Amino acid sequence: MTDILIPYAPPETGLEKENDRFQKRIFLQNRENLLRALGCIGDFTESVRKLRQDQVYKFVFWPEGAHLYKDAEGNLQAVFYRNGKILQHGRLREVRPSMANAATALGAQVLLIGVAMQLNRIEKEIDSIKDQFHNDRISEIAAGVSMYEQAMAVSDPATVKQLVVNAIQSLNTGVEKTVRSLKTQIQEAPSARMSFWNDWWGNRRKKAAETIGRAEESFRSALLGVKTLAQCYAVLKEPKSAAKALEQTLSSLQSANIEMAANKARLIPFTGGKPPEACWFDFVHRSPQLSQSLRACRNYADREFRRIAIEARPEEFMEVNHEQM
């Protein structure tokens, strides 16, 4: 069991400028929906009137079913924090499903963008190949990325959703094909265990540079595909399907034997700022954290969280209530 934390400001994505703006736009829209849902509950807005309207507080509350936190009148408890200290208690007469769904979607979006950020960092480390990929092998990934980029420029939510759904279908096909190629390329690369005579007669270093170079290209395109999938699912607000699909995709990529590729990459001469095996080992080291984020995403969808914490200014709730009157 864990907590859902909704930050006051959109999380820093580390992505390209247009992509960053797009994800932050989705975050702010989802956050506004959450504040609207919370602003309608019981005497919550009456409680926030007593706080300084220009300060950022952390509003912590427990969702429906948290019987241990109900008072004698059956009200769920909400606690207002500032700088780690409890300021006052609020009462929530009813926690509507729309609020829990909005909080889950926001929490999942933050987790999925974190996954995309980490994959982006690994992808950027692969600088020993050209920017252009072999289109015959990753055309579906390129098409999926293109559809996601089109969605960034669209304002209509229905059109955005349709483009993102189409992008996911193309990306899944492309990643599957690319991972199959990656497995073969890693197997065909020369073993890192070799003697002087092996290298002299077999020219294994040259072959390693060629085969690992092709594998790096597949690896980078697969990372791009999975990263874009994470961004697409962050937009859809469906954390359960997001977690399930990305867990399967991540597991498939891990099964390509990335650690073997890292060891074989050591045959390649060290000519750049980082050793050739760095990007492969980086993925190996980050995999547990990526898996943990996806498990948390799935737990959010299954309501397996203790409480929801929202960083916000009290005036935001007052503005929402004023609009609804």
Protein backbone atom coordinates (compact mmCIF):
# COMPACT_ATOMS: atom_id res chain seq x y z
CA MET A 1 0.00 0.00 0.00
CA THR A 2 1.23 3.47 -0.84
CA ASP A 3 0.03 7.06 -1.23
CA ILE A 4 -0.96 9.07 -4.27
CA LEU A 5 0.74 12.47 -4.32
CA ILE A 6 -0.59 15.14 -6.68
CA PRO A 7 2.01 17.94 -6.89
CA TYR A 8 1.05 21.61 -7.05
CA ALA A 9 2.98 22.19 -10.27
CA PRO A 10 3.24 19.86 -13.28
CA PRO A 11 6.22 17.51 -12.94
CA GLU A 12 9.34 18.28 -14.96
CA THR A 13 9.33 15.78 -17.79
CA GLY A 14 12.78 16.28 -19.30
CA LEU A 15 11.18 15.72 -22.71
CA GLU A 16 11.29 17.83 -25.86
CA LYS A 17 9.71 21.28 -25.53
CA GLU A 18 6.48 20.57 -27.43
CA ASN A 19 6.08 17.18 -25.79
CA ASP A 20 6.73 18.72 -22.37
CA ARG A 21 4.03 21.36 -22.95
CA PHE A 22 1.57 18.70 -24.12
CA GLN A 23 2.00 16.48 -21.05
CA LYS A 24 1.81 19.47 -18.71
CA ARG A 25 -1.39 20.60 -20.43
CA ILE A 26 -2.95 17.17 -19.83
CA PHE A 27 -1.76 17.25 -16.20
CA LEU A 28 -3.35 20.64 -15.53
CA GLN A 29 -6.63 19.56 -17.14
CA ASN A 30 -6.74 16.42 -14.99
CA ARG A 31 -5.79 18.37 -11.88
CA GLU A 32 -8.58 20.86 -12.48
CA ASN A 33 -11.07 17.98 -12.77
CA LEU A 34 -9.84 16.62 -9.45
CA LEU A 35 -10.21 19.97 -7.69
CA ARG A 36 -13.72 20.32 -9.09
CA ALA A 37 -14.68 16.91 -7.74
CA LEU A 38 -13.17 17.61 -4.32
CA GLY A 39 -14.64 21.10 -4.10
CA CYS A 40 -18.18 19.67 -4.17
CA ILE A 41 -17.74 17.33 -1.22
CA GLY A 42 -19.44 18.04 2.10
CA ASP A 43 -18.16 21.06 4.00
CA PHE A 44 -14.67 20.83 2.52
CA THR A 45 -14.73 24.31 1.00
CA GLU A 46 -15.92 25.73 4.30
CA SER A 47 -12.82 24.27 5.95
CA VAL A 48 -10.40 25.76 3.41
CA ARG A 49 -11.89 29.25 3.89
CA LYS A 50 -10.10 29.38 7.23
CA LEU A 51 -6.67 28.92 5.64
CA ARG A 52 -4.43 31.51 3.99
CA GLN A 53 -5.61 31.58 0.41
CA ASP A 54 -2.21 32.38 -1.16
CA GLN A 55 -0.24 29.57 0.53
CA VAL A 56 0.39 26.07 -0.81
CA TYR A 57 -0.91 23.31 1.49
CA LYS A 58 -0.97 19.58 1.31
CA PHE A 59 -4.52 18.25 1.62
CA VAL A 60 -4.42 14.62 2.73
CA PHE A 61 -7.59 12.53 2.78
CA TRP A 62 -8.64 8.91 2.77
CA PRO A 63 -10.88 7.47 0.07
CA GLU A 64 -14.17 5.68 0.53
CA GLY A 65 -13.80 2.56 2.64
CA ALA A 66 -11.27 4.06 5.06
CA HIS A 67 -13.49 3.24 8.04
CA LEU A 68 -10.75 3.80 10.60
CA TYR A 69 -10.72 7.49 9.75
CA LYS A 70 -14.46 8.16 10.07
CA ASP A 71 -15.71 10.29 12.92
CA ALA A 72 -18.76 9.60 15.08
CA GLU A 73 -21.03 11.20 12.49
CA GLY A 74 -19.67 9.06 9.68
CA ASN A 75 -17.58 11.80 8.08
CA LEU A 76 -14.29 10.84 6.44
CA GLN A 77 -11.38 12.80 7.79
CA ALA A 78 -9.19 15.14 5.76
CA VAL A 79 -6.05 16.72 7.18
CA PHE A 80 -4.44 19.97 6.02
CA TYR A 81 -0.66 20.09 6.25
CA ARG A 82 1.84 22.91 5.81
CA ASN A 83 5.61 22.39 6.12
CA GLY A 84 4.96 18.91 7.47
CA LYS A 85 2.70 20.10 10.32
CA ILE A 86 -1.01 19.43 10.75
CA LEU A 87 -2.94 22.70 10.67
CA GLN A 88 -6.54 21.52 10.96
CA HIS A 89 -8.95 18.73 10.17
CA GLY A 90 -11.68 18.83 7.58
CA ARG A 91 -14.69 16.60 7.09
CA LEU A 92 -15.74 14.88 3.89
CA ARG A 93 -19.33 13.73 3.86
CA GLU A 94 -18.91 11.72 0.64
CA VAL A 95 -15.96 10.79 -1.54
CA ARG A 96 -17.37 10.50 -5.02
CA PRO A 97 -15.98 7.95 -7.52
CA SER A 98 -15.19 10.80 -9.93
CA MET A 99 -12.74 12.23 -7.42
CA ALA A 100 -11.00 8.91 -6.80
CA ASN A 101 -10.80 8.30 -10.56
CA ALA A 102 -9.36 11.77 -11.18
CA ALA A 103 -6.74 11.30 -8.46
CA THR A 104 -5.80 7.87 -9.81
CA ALA A 105 -5.40 9.23 -13.34
CA LEU A 106 -3.18 12.07 -12.12
CA GLY A 107 -1.02 9.84 -9.94
CA ALA A 108 -0.62 7.36 -12.78
CA GLN A 109 0.32 10.12 -15.22
CA VAL A 110 3.14 11.26 -12.95
CA LEU A 111 4.43 7.67 -12.70
CA LEU A 112 4.23 7.04 -16.45
CA ILE A 113 6.04 10.27 -17.28
CA GLY A 114 8.74 9.17 -14.84
CA VAL A 115 9.08 5.91 -16.80
CA ALA A 116 9.31 7.88 -20.07
CA MET A 117 11.99 10.16 -18.59
CA GLN A 118 14.20 7.25 -17.57
CA LEU A 119 13.88 5.55 -20.96
CA ASN A 120 14.65 8.88 -22.63
CA ARG A 121 17.90 9.17 -20.67
CA ILE A 122 19.02 5.69 -21.75
CA GLU A 123 18.10 6.38 -25.37
CA LYS A 124 20.12 9.60 -25.36
CA GLU A 125 23.22 7.66 -24.27
CA ILE A 126 23.26 5.74 -27.55
CA ASP A 127 25.18 8.25 -29.62
CA SER A 128 27.34 5.89 -31.67
CA ILE A 129 24.74 5.49 -34.43
CA LYS A 130 23.02 7.76 -36.90
CA ASP A 131 19.85 9.62 -35.99
CA GLN A 132 17.96 7.94 -38.85
CA PHE A 133 16.87 4.34 -38.34
CA HIS A 134 16.32 1.64 -40.96
CA ASN A 135 12.69 2.32 -41.86
CA ASP A 136 12.02 -1.21 -43.08
CA ARG A 137 12.48 -2.54 -39.56
CA ILE A 138 10.91 0.13 -37.40
CA SER A 139 8.38 1.81 -39.68
CA GLU A 140 5.56 1.02 -37.23
CA ILE A 141 7.41 2.73 -34.38
CA ALA A 142 8.04 5.78 -36.56
CA ALA A 143 4.34 5.86 -37.51
CA GLY A 144 3.28 5.59 -33.86
CA VAL A 145 5.59 8.41 -32.83
CA SER A 146 4.23 10.53 -35.68
CA MET A 147 0.61 9.98 -34.56
CA TYR A 148 1.52 10.89 -30.98
CA GLU A 149 3.19 14.07 -32.23
CA GLN A 150 0.03 14.91 -34.20
CA ALA A 151 -1.98 14.55 -31.00
CA MET A 152 0.18 17.21 -29.36
CA ALA A 153 -1.11 19.83 -31.81
CA VAL A 154 -4.79 18.95 -31.34
CA SER A 155 -7.06 20.63 -28.78
CA ASP A 156 -10.20 18.49 -29.17
CA PRO A 157 -10.04 15.74 -26.46
CA ALA A 158 -11.88 13.17 -28.61
CA THR A 159 -9.44 13.64 -31.51
CA VAL A 160 -6.47 13.48 -29.14
CA LYS A 161 -7.74 10.19 -27.72
CA GLN A 162 -8.28 8.68 -31.18
CA LEU A 163 -4.80 9.64 -32.36
CA VAL A 164 -3.25 8.26 -29.19
CA VAL A 165 -5.16 4.96 -29.48
CA ASN A 166 -3.97 4.59 -33.09
CA ALA A 167 -0.43 5.43 -32.01
CA ILE A 168 -0.51 2.71 -29.33
CA GLN A 169 -1.56 0.07 -31.86
CA SER A 170 1.27 1.00 -34.23
CA LEU A 171 3.84 1.25 -31.44
CA ASN A 172 2.96 -2.16 -30.00
CA THR A 173 3.44 -3.80 -33.42
CA GLY A 174 6.70 -1.95 -34.04
CA VAL A 175 8.21 -2.69 -30.62
CA GLU A 176 7.33 -6.38 -30.92
CA LYS A 177 9.09 -6.69 -34.30
CA THR A 178 12.09 -4.67 -33.15
CA VAL A 179 12.57 -6.71 -29.97
CA ARG A 180 12.56 -9.92 -32.05
CA SER A 181 15.34 -8.47 -34.23
CA LEU A 182 17.20 -7.30 -31.15
CA LYS A 183 17.23 -10.81 -29.63
CA THR A 184 18.73 -12.25 -32.83
CA GLN A 185 21.36 -9.50 -33.12
CA ILE A 186 22.50 -9.97 -29.53
CA GLN A 187 22.81 -13.73 -30.02
CA GLU A 188 24.83 -13.28 -33.24
CA ALA A 189 27.31 -10.85 -31.70
CA PRO A 190 30.72 -12.37 -30.82
CA SER A 191 31.27 -13.48 -27.26
CA ALA A 192 33.24 -11.16 -25.01
CA ARG A 193 35.37 -14.12 -23.96
CA MET A 194 38.14 -14.37 -26.49
CA SER A 195 41.89 -14.86 -26.76
CA PHE A 196 44.45 -12.89 -28.75
CA TRP A 197 44.38 -15.53 -31.50
CA ASN A 198 40.60 -15.46 -31.69
CA ASP A 199 40.74 -11.77 -32.42
CA TRP A 200 43.68 -12.07 -34.83
CA TRP A 201 42.15 -14.73 -37.05
CA GLY A 202 38.45 -14.05 -36.58
CA ASN A 203 38.61 -10.25 -36.42
CA ARG A 204 35.99 -10.38 -33.71
CA ARG A 205 36.30 -6.76 -32.68
CA LYS A 206 35.28 -5.64 -36.14
CA LYS A 207 32.37 -8.07 -36.20
CA ALA A 208 31.35 -6.99 -32.70
CA ALA A 209 31.30 -3.34 -33.78
CA GLU A 210 29.04 -4.23 -36.71
CA THR A 211 26.61 -6.55 -34.91
CA ILE A 212 26.41 -4.56 -31.68
CA GLY A 213 25.99 -1.41 -33.78
CA ARG A 214 22.90 -2.94 -35.42
CA ALA A 215 21.69 -4.13 -32.02
CA GLU A 216 22.13 -0.62 -30.61
CA GLU A 217 19.97 0.71 -33.42
CA SER A 218 17.23 -1.81 -32.57
CA PHE A 219 17.65 -1.13 -28.85
CA ARG A 220 17.33 2.60 -29.32
CA SER A 221 14.25 2.28 -31.51
CA ALA A 222 12.66 -0.12 -28.98
CA LEU A 223 13.35 2.38 -26.18
CA LEU A 224 11.79 5.12 -28.27
CA GLY A 225 8.72 2.95 -28.82
CA VAL A 226 8.27 2.04 -25.15
CA LYS A 227 8.89 5.65 -24.09
CA THR A 228 6.21 6.88 -26.48
CA LEU A 229 3.83 4.17 -25.27
CA ALA A 230 4.26 5.42 -21.70
CA GLN A 231 3.48 8.96 -22.84
CA CYS A 232 0.41 7.79 -24.76
CA TYR A 233 -1.00 5.90 -21.80
CA ALA A 234 -0.38 8.93 -19.57
CA VAL A 235 -2.83 10.83 -21.80
CA LEU A 236 -5.51 8.11 -21.84
CA LYS A 237 -6.19 8.09 -18.08
CA GLU A 238 -6.45 4.30 -17.99
CA PRO A 239 -3.79 3.25 -15.47
CA LYS A 240 -4.78 -0.44 -15.32
CA SER A 241 -4.45 -1.03 -19.06
CA ALA A 242 -1.32 1.14 -19.09
CA ALA A 243 0.39 -0.90 -16.38
CA LYS A 244 -0.56 -4.24 -17.94
CA ALA A 245 0.55 -3.29 -21.47
CA LEU A 246 3.82 -1.65 -20.40
CA GLU A 247 4.71 -4.48 -18.01
CA GLN A 248 4.36 -6.94 -20.89
CA THR A 249 6.40 -4.74 -23.24
CA LEU A 250 9.11 -4.12 -20.66
CA SER A 251 9.29 -7.85 -19.90
CA SER A 252 9.67 -8.61 -23.61
CA LEU A 253 12.52 -6.12 -23.91
CA GLN A 254 14.23 -7.52 -20.81
CA SER A 255 13.98 -11.04 -22.27
CA ALA A 256 16.19 -9.96 -25.18
CA ASN A 257 19.12 -10.59 -22.80
CA ILE A 258 20.27 -6.99 -22.41
CA GLU A 259 22.96 -7.95 -19.91
CA MET A 260 24.53 -10.29 -22.50
CA ALA A 261 24.58 -7.38 -24.96
CA ALA A 262 26.32 -5.22 -22.36
CA ASN A 263 29.04 -7.81 -21.87
CA LYS A 264 29.51 -8.32 -25.63
CA ALA A 265 29.66 -4.54 -26.19
CA ARG A 266 32.92 -4.51 -24.24
CA LEU A 267 34.64 -5.87 -27.36
CA ILE A 268 34.03 -2.54 -29.10
CA PRO A 269 36.93 -0.04 -28.80
CA PHE A 270 36.23 2.74 -26.30
CA THR A 271 36.21 5.91 -28.43
CA GLY A 272 33.48 8.13 -26.96
CA GLY A 273 32.70 9.81 -23.67
CA LYS A 274 31.15 6.62 -22.25
CA PRO A 275 32.08 2.96 -22.62
CA PRO A 276 30.04 1.10 -25.29
CA GLU A 277 28.32 -1.07 -22.69
CA ALA A 278 27.05 1.90 -20.60
CA CYS A 279 23.60 2.25 -22.21
CA TRP A 280 22.90 -1.49 -21.89
CA PHE A 281 23.90 -1.65 -18.23
CA ASP A 282 21.95 1.53 -17.54
CA PHE A 283 18.78 -0.23 -18.71
CA VAL A 284 19.59 -3.25 -16.53
CA HIS A 285 20.08 -1.03 -13.48
CA ARG A 286 16.94 1.03 -14.09
CA SER A 287 14.65 -1.93 -14.84
CA PRO A 288 13.67 -2.60 -11.19
CA GLN A 289 12.65 1.02 -10.71
CA LEU A 290 10.68 1.00 -13.97
CA SER A 291 8.86 -2.16 -12.87
CA GLN A 292 8.14 -0.64 -9.47
CA SER A 293 6.55 2.43 -11.08
CA LEU A 294 4.31 0.23 -13.22
CA ARG A 295 3.26 -1.86 -10.21
CA ALA A 296 2.35 1.33 -8.35
CA CYS A 297 0.35 2.44 -11.39
CA ARG A 298 -1.59 -0.84 -11.33
CA ASN A 299 -2.16 -0.54 -7.57
CA TYR A 300 -3.60 2.93 -8.04
CA ALA A 301 -6.10 1.53 -10.54
CA ASP A 302 -7.04 -1.27 -8.12
CA ARG A 303 -7.56 1.28 -5.31
CA GLU A 304 -4.67 -0.23 -3.38
CA PHE A 305 -3.50 3.03 -1.85
CA ARG A 306 -3.87 4.35 1.69
CA ARG A 307 -4.59 7.99 1.02
CA ILE A 308 -4.46 10.80 -1.51
CA ALA A 309 -2.38 13.94 -0.96
CA ILE A 310 -2.93 17.06 -3.07
CA GLU A 311 -0.66 20.09 -3.03
CA ALA A 312 -2.85 23.12 -3.70
CA ARG A 313 -3.76 26.65 -2.69
CA PRO A 314 -7.09 27.05 -0.86
CA GLU A 315 -8.10 29.77 -3.32
CA GLU A 316 -8.15 27.14 -6.08
CA PHE A 317 -11.04 25.38 -4.39
CA MET A 318 -12.85 28.66 -3.89
CA GLU A 319 -12.47 29.50 -7.58
CA VAL A 320 -13.86 26.11 -8.58
CA ASN A 321 -16.85 26.53 -6.26
CA HIS A 322 -17.54 30.02 -7.59
CA GLU A 323 -17.61 28.71 -11.17
CA GLN A 324 -20.10 26.01 -10.23
CA MET A 325 -22.57 28.39 -8.58
